Amino acid sequence: MIPFIKEALWSGVKRFVLLGSASVDEDGPIFGKVHQSLKELAPEWTVLQPSYFMENFTEGPHRETMKQLGKIYSAAGDGKIGFVSADDIAAVAFFALTDVVPHNTAHIITGPETLSYGQVADIISRLLDQRIQHESLSDAELRNSLIQAGMLEDYATALAGLDVFIREEGREDQTTETVLKVTGQSPVSLEQFIRQHMH
C-alpha cells in the first residue's frame, strides 16, 4: 500500500483517508507502517481507527453461527468492545475527505457503549425473541476455526491475537465522542442497529 501512496502523491493527490483499526496503533502490525507513512508523507491525512463493526452480527460468520447454532464464538471472554456501525464510520470518513481543513489525525471511532460478546448475545436474544449464547473459545480454537474457514494462517493468527488484547488488556474497552464531534450526529447503539437490520 505504501508504494500506492507514493505514486498517488507523485500524481498530485494531497488528501488521504486510511481505514485501520482501533486495535492497531501506528506501531502495530497490519496497518501500522501505512499509518506511519501517511503521517510522514501526506500533506493532508486521516486514519480512521474504528472498533469492531456492528455488521459482524448481521452478516458474515457471527450471523451464520447465530442462525445455525444459536451461538456467537470468540476468544474475547468477558472483554468489552465499543461496537460501531459502518454507517457511522462512513460518516466520519466523508467529513475527513470533504472538510475544508484537513483533520491530520487518527480518529478512534466507537459506538456509544462498550459491550462483551455475552451482553451482545443477551441483547440479540431479547430483540429477536430467540436464544443466542456467547461461547468462549481458546486462542488456538479461534485461530484454527478461522483457518478452517479459509483464512490465511498469518491473518488468522493476527485476528485471534486481537481477542487476547480484548480479554486480557481491555484494548477495546473504550468509547469516544468522535462520531458526534466530527459529524454532529450521535453514533447508533447496538440495540438501535439490531432493530434496524435484523428481523
Protein backbone atom coordinates (compact mmCIF):
# COMPACT_ATOMS: atom_id res chain seq x y z
CA MET A 1 0.00 0.00 0.00
CA ILE A 2 2.90 2.38 0.68
CA PRO A 3 4.06 2.32 -2.98
CA PHE A 4 0.47 3.20 -3.97
CA ILE A 5 0.52 6.19 -1.59
CA LYS A 6 3.83 7.37 -3.02
CA GLU A 7 2.51 7.04 -6.57
CA ALA A 8 -0.64 8.97 -5.64
CA LEU A 9 1.44 11.74 -4.06
CA TRP A 10 3.62 11.92 -7.15
CA SER A 11 0.42 12.24 -9.24
CA GLY A 12 -0.76 15.19 -7.14
CA VAL A 13 -3.11 13.60 -4.60
CA LYS A 14 -2.98 15.62 -1.37
CA ARG A 15 -5.57 14.12 0.95
CA PHE A 16 -5.66 10.51 2.15
CA VAL A 17 -8.04 8.65 4.46
CA LEU A 18 -6.92 5.23 5.70
CA LEU A 19 -9.28 2.71 7.28
CA GLY A 20 -7.36 1.00 10.07
CA SER A 21 -8.45 -0.45 13.40
CA ALA A 22 -8.76 0.77 16.98
CA SER A 23 -6.85 -2.36 18.00
CA VAL A 24 -3.80 -1.47 15.91
CA ASP A 25 -1.86 1.74 16.56
CA GLU A 26 0.84 3.19 14.33
CA ASP A 27 3.50 1.00 15.95
CA GLY A 28 1.41 -2.15 15.47
CA PRO A 29 1.11 -4.79 12.77
CA ILE A 30 -1.02 -4.80 9.60
CA PHE A 31 -1.87 -1.07 9.24
CA GLY A 32 0.90 0.38 11.42
CA LYS A 33 3.52 1.07 8.76
CA VAL A 34 0.92 2.58 6.42
CA HIS A 35 -0.28 4.85 9.24
CA GLN A 36 3.30 6.00 9.86
CA SER A 37 3.89 6.61 6.16
CA LEU A 38 0.79 8.78 5.81
CA LYS A 39 1.89 10.92 8.75
CA GLU A 40 5.35 11.33 7.27
CA LEU A 41 4.50 11.77 3.58
CA ALA A 42 0.97 13.10 3.07
CA PRO A 43 0.20 16.81 3.44
CA GLU A 44 -3.41 16.01 4.42
CA TRP A 45 -4.33 12.74 6.08
CA THR A 46 -6.73 10.99 8.43
CA VAL A 47 -6.52 7.49 9.85
CA LEU A 48 -9.87 6.00 10.83
CA GLN A 49 -9.46 3.55 13.71
CA PRO A 50 -12.88 2.02 14.31
CA SER A 51 -13.73 -0.51 16.94
CA TYR A 52 -15.40 -3.75 15.85
CA PHE A 53 -18.24 -3.41 13.33
CA MET A 54 -21.84 -3.99 14.42
CA GLU A 55 -22.32 -5.53 10.98
CA ASN A 56 -20.34 -8.54 12.22
CA PHE A 57 -23.66 -9.67 13.76
CA THR A 58 -25.87 -9.10 10.72
CA GLU A 59 -23.66 -10.67 8.05
CA GLY A 60 -20.68 -12.97 7.90
CA PRO A 61 -19.58 -15.71 10.31
CA HIS A 62 -21.30 -14.46 13.51
CA ARG A 63 -24.62 -14.21 11.67
CA GLU A 64 -24.22 -17.72 10.30
CA THR A 65 -23.36 -19.31 13.66
CA MET A 66 -26.27 -17.47 15.29
CA LYS A 67 -28.69 -18.74 12.64
CA GLN A 68 -27.38 -22.30 12.56
CA LEU A 69 -26.28 -22.90 16.16
CA GLY A 70 -27.63 -20.05 18.28
CA LYS A 71 -24.03 -19.13 19.18
CA ILE A 72 -21.53 -16.30 18.94
CA TYR A 73 -17.95 -17.59 19.18
CA SER A 74 -14.93 -15.57 20.31
CA ALA A 75 -11.80 -15.81 22.44
CA ALA A 76 -12.51 -12.40 23.99
CA GLY A 77 -14.02 -13.79 27.21
CA ASP A 78 -15.79 -11.02 29.15
CA GLY A 79 -13.72 -8.29 27.48
CA LYS A 80 -15.75 -5.32 26.30
CA ILE A 81 -15.83 -3.67 22.89
CA GLY A 82 -17.19 -0.32 21.66
CA PHE A 83 -19.01 -1.84 18.67
CA VAL A 84 -19.69 0.75 15.94
CA SER A 85 -21.87 0.87 12.84
CA ALA A 86 -20.21 1.02 9.43
CA ASP A 87 -22.57 3.90 8.60
CA ASP A 88 -21.08 5.94 11.46
CA ILE A 89 -17.56 5.11 10.26
CA ALA A 90 -18.52 6.14 6.72
CA ALA A 91 -19.92 9.44 8.01
CA VAL A 92 -16.61 10.25 9.72
CA ALA A 93 -14.77 9.27 6.51
CA PHE A 94 -17.00 11.63 4.50
CA PHE A 95 -16.06 14.61 6.64
CA ALA A 96 -12.39 13.59 6.71
CA LEU A 97 -12.44 13.69 2.91
CA THR A 98 -14.53 16.84 2.42
CA ASP A 99 -13.89 19.21 5.35
CA VAL A 100 -12.04 22.31 4.20
CA VAL A 101 -9.47 21.96 6.99
CA PRO A 102 -7.66 18.61 6.90
CA HIS A 103 -8.01 16.53 10.05
CA ASN A 104 -4.35 15.38 10.11
CA THR A 105 -5.05 13.00 12.97
CA ALA A 106 -6.13 9.48 13.84
CA HIS A 107 -9.78 9.10 14.85
CA ILE A 108 -10.70 6.31 17.28
CA ILE A 109 -14.31 5.56 16.29
CA THR A 110 -16.68 3.71 18.63
CA GLY A 111 -20.34 3.30 19.34
CA PRO A 112 -21.90 4.87 22.45
CA GLU A 113 -21.29 1.92 24.81
CA THR A 114 -18.95 -0.99 25.43
CA LEU A 115 -20.35 -4.50 25.49
CA SER A 116 -18.99 -8.01 25.95
CA TYR A 117 -19.98 -10.67 23.46
CA GLY A 118 -22.15 -12.16 26.20
CA GLN A 119 -24.02 -8.86 26.54
CA VAL A 120 -24.40 -8.69 22.75
CA ALA A 121 -25.88 -12.19 22.79
CA ASP A 122 -28.35 -11.11 25.50
CA ILE A 123 -29.44 -8.03 23.51
CA ILE A 124 -29.93 -10.02 20.31
CA SER A 125 -31.78 -12.77 22.20
CA ARG A 126 -34.20 -10.23 23.69
CA LEU A 127 -34.81 -8.35 20.46
CA LEU A 128 -35.23 -11.43 18.26
CA ASP A 129 -37.00 -13.50 20.91
CA GLN A 130 -34.50 -16.24 20.16
CA ARG A 131 -31.88 -17.77 22.44
CA ILE A 132 -28.37 -16.70 21.42
CA GLN A 133 -25.35 -17.56 23.59
CA HIS A 134 -21.73 -16.49 23.59
CA GLU A 135 -19.30 -19.39 23.68
CA SER A 136 -15.71 -18.67 24.64
CA LEU A 137 -13.03 -20.42 22.64
CA SER A 138 -9.36 -20.78 23.44
CA ASP A 139 -6.98 -18.70 21.35
CA ALA A 140 -5.90 -21.82 19.44
CA GLU A 141 -9.50 -22.91 18.82
CA LEU A 142 -10.38 -19.49 17.38
CA ARG A 143 -7.27 -19.41 15.20
CA ASN A 144 -7.89 -22.92 13.89
CA SER A 145 -11.56 -22.22 13.16
CA LEU A 146 -10.57 -19.14 11.13
CA ILE A 147 -8.05 -21.17 9.15
CA GLN A 148 -10.63 -23.92 8.54
CA ALA A 149 -13.00 -21.22 7.24
CA GLY A 150 -10.39 -20.36 4.60
CA MET A 151 -8.41 -17.53 6.19
CA LEU A 152 -4.66 -17.30 5.63
CA GLU A 153 -2.68 -18.61 8.62
CA ASP A 154 -0.83 -15.35 9.37
CA TYR A 155 -4.03 -13.31 9.24
CA ALA A 156 -5.91 -15.84 11.40
CA THR A 157 -3.11 -15.68 13.97
CA ALA A 158 -3.24 -11.87 14.00
CA LEU A 159 -7.04 -11.80 14.37
CA ALA A 160 -7.04 -14.37 17.16
CA GLY A 161 -4.34 -12.29 18.87
CA LEU A 162 -6.67 -9.28 18.90
CA ASP A 163 -9.10 -11.22 21.10
CA VAL A 164 -6.26 -11.72 23.59
CA PHE A 165 -5.86 -7.93 23.82
CA ILE A 166 -9.62 -7.54 24.35
CA ARG A 167 -9.75 -10.25 27.02
CA GLU A 168 -6.53 -9.53 28.92
CA GLU A 169 -5.77 -5.84 28.35
CA GLY A 170 -9.17 -4.26 27.71
CA ARG A 171 -7.78 -2.80 24.49
CA GLU A 172 -11.28 -2.19 23.01
CA ASP A 173 -13.00 -1.19 26.28
CA GLN A 174 -13.44 2.47 25.38
CA THR A 175 -15.93 4.89 23.92
CA THR A 176 -15.12 8.14 22.17
CA GLU A 177 -17.09 11.17 21.04
CA THR A 178 -15.52 11.09 17.58
CA VAL A 179 -18.74 10.44 15.64
CA LEU A 180 -20.59 13.26 17.41
CA LYS A 181 -17.70 15.73 17.18
CA VAL A 182 -16.92 15.08 13.52
CA THR A 183 -20.43 14.55 12.11
CA GLY A 184 -22.72 16.35 14.55
CA GLN A 185 -24.75 13.13 14.98
CA SER A 186 -24.60 10.63 17.84
CA PRO A 187 -23.48 7.10 16.95
CA VAL A 188 -26.14 4.42 16.77
CA SER A 189 -26.35 1.98 19.69
CA LEU A 190 -26.16 -1.77 19.13
CA GLU A 191 -29.81 -2.12 20.15
CA GLN A 192 -30.88 0.51 17.59
CA PHE A 193 -28.73 -1.18 14.96
CA ILE A 194 -30.15 -4.66 15.61
CA ARG A 195 -33.71 -3.30 15.49
CA GLN A 196 -32.98 -1.73 12.10
CA HIS A 197 -31.07 -4.60 10.50
CA MET A 198 -32.19 -7.95 11.94
CA HIS A 199 -35.67 -9.39 11.62
